[in-house]
Amino acid sequence: MSAIDGKTTSADVFSKVGAAAQAVTVGDGERAGAETISSVAAVLAKERSLAPHSGRRLKPPG
């Protein structure tokens, strides 16, 4: 896989998201869930900001 910013690969991002998703399933209730969701959102936002823009937009579902 190619590096997004020279150091972080897509695999790194997905492993962080996977670990966060696993944490929410074994977490201690709503607080852990909210923290996990915000950390996943932060990782995805960082990946989006670092990814090269292809100029194409995804079609909305439906």
C-alpha atoms as a PDB file:
ATOM      1  CA  MET A   1       0.000   0.000   0.000  1.00  0.00           C
ATOM      2  CA  SER A   2       1.164   3.479  -0.699  1.00  0.00           C
ATOM      3  CA  ALA A   3       1.831   5.913   2.087  1.00  0.00           C
ATOM      4  CA  ILE A   4      -0.661   8.714   2.512  1.00  0.00           C
ATOM      5  CA  ASP A   5       1.693  11.275   3.998  1.00  0.00           C
ATOM      6  CA  GLY A   6       5.016   9.501   3.579  1.00  0.00           C
ATOM      7  CA  LYS A   7       4.612   7.637   6.878  1.00  0.00           C
ATOM      8  CA  THR A   8       0.988   6.618   7.370  1.00  0.00           C
ATOM      9  CA  THR A   9      -0.421   3.926   5.104  1.00  0.00           C
ATOM     10  CA  SER A  10      -4.056   3.061   4.554  1.00  0.00           C
ATOM     11  CA  ALA A  11      -3.396  -0.187   6.431  1.00  0.00           C
ATOM     12  CA  ASP A  12      -2.308   1.845   9.473  1.00  0.00           C
ATOM     13  CA  VAL A  13      -5.504   3.859   9.340  1.00  0.00           C
ATOM     14  CA  PHE A  14      -7.711   0.795   9.004  1.00  0.00           C
ATOM     15  CA  SER A  15      -5.929  -0.995  11.847  1.00  0.00           C
ATOM     16  CA  LYS A  16      -6.575   2.024  14.093  1.00  0.00           C
ATOM     17  CA  VAL A  17     -10.225   2.097  13.059  1.00  0.00           C
ATOM     18  CA  GLY A  18     -10.505  -1.649  13.649  1.00  0.00           C
ATOM     19  CA  ALA A  19      -8.962  -1.350  17.105  1.00  0.00           C
ATOM     20  CA  ALA A  20     -11.328   1.493  17.951  1.00  0.00           C
ATOM     21  CA  ALA A  21     -14.322  -0.506  16.741  1.00  0.00           C
ATOM     22  CA  GLN A  22     -13.222  -3.471  18.856  1.00  0.00           C
ATOM     23  CA  ALA A  23     -12.805  -1.194  21.875  1.00  0.00           C
ATOM     24  CA  VAL A  24     -16.383   0.003  21.601  1.00  0.00           C
ATOM     25  CA  THR A  25     -17.688  -3.580  21.673  1.00  0.00           C
ATOM     26  CA  VAL A  26     -15.847  -4.356  24.916  1.00  0.00           C
ATOM     27  CA  GLY A  27     -15.986  -0.831  26.376  1.00  0.00           C
ATOM     28  CA  ASP A  28     -17.726   0.292  29.529  1.00  0.00           C
ATOM     29  CA  GLY A  29     -20.867   1.884  28.188  1.00  0.00           C
ATOM     30  CA  GLU A  30     -21.745   5.151  26.533  1.00  0.00           C
ATOM     31  CA  ARG A  31     -18.623   7.091  27.519  1.00  0.00           C
ATOM     32  CA  ALA A  32     -16.305   4.565  25.864  1.00  0.00           C
ATOM     33  CA  GLY A  33     -18.583   4.456  22.825  1.00  0.00           C
ATOM     34  CA  ALA A  34     -18.559   8.228  22.427  1.00  0.00           C
ATOM     35  CA  GLU A  35     -14.764   8.387  22.788  1.00  0.00           C
ATOM     36  CA  THR A  36     -14.311   5.612  20.248  1.00  0.00           C
ATOM     37  CA  ILE A  37     -16.641   7.211  17.721  1.00  0.00           C
ATOM     38  CA  SER A  38     -14.848  10.540  18.017  1.00  0.00           C
ATOM     39  CA  SER A  39     -11.432   8.879  17.640  1.00  0.00           C
ATOM     40  CA  VAL A  40     -12.579   6.957  14.551  1.00  0.00           C
ATOM     41  CA  ALA A  41     -13.983  10.179  13.096  1.00  0.00           C
ATOM     42  CA  ALA A  42     -10.673  11.940  13.765  1.00  0.00           C
ATOM     43  CA  VAL A  43      -8.674   9.184  12.049  1.00  0.00           C
ATOM     44  CA  LEU A  44     -10.957   9.233   9.015  1.00  0.00           C
ATOM     45  CA  ALA A  45     -10.857  13.032   8.814  1.00  0.00           C
ATOM     46  CA  LYS A  46      -7.059  12.960   8.929  1.00  0.00           C
ATOM     47  CA  GLU A  47      -6.916  10.329   6.191  1.00  0.00           C
ATOM     48  CA  ARG A  48      -9.304  12.351   4.025  1.00  0.00           C
ATOM     49  CA  SER A  49      -7.277  15.530   4.475  1.00  0.00           C
ATOM     50  CA  LEU A  50      -4.026  13.749   3.557  1.00  0.00           C
ATOM     51  CA  ALA A  51      -5.354  11.735   0.625  1.00  0.00           C
ATOM     52  CA  PRO A  52      -4.767  13.146  -2.835  1.00  0.00           C
ATOM     53  CA  HIS A  53      -7.927  14.543  -4.365  1.00  0.00           C
ATOM     54  CA  SER A  54      -8.903  12.843  -7.598  1.00  0.00           C
ATOM     55  CA  GLY A  55     -11.371  15.519  -8.625  1.00  0.00           C
ATOM     56  CA  ARG A  56     -14.215  13.015  -8.716  1.00  0.00           C
ATOM     57  CA  ARG A  57     -17.101  13.025  -6.298  1.00  0.00           C
ATOM     58  CA  LEU A  58     -18.925   9.947  -5.119  1.00  0.00           C
ATOM     59  CA  LYS A  59     -22.509   9.672  -6.220  1.00  0.00           C
ATOM     60  CA  PRO A  60     -24.987   9.833  -3.337  1.00  0.00           C
ATOM     61  CA  PRO A  61     -26.764   6.533  -2.610  1.00  0.00           C
ATOM     62  CA  GLY A  62     -30.131   6.015  -4.250  1.00  0.00           C
END
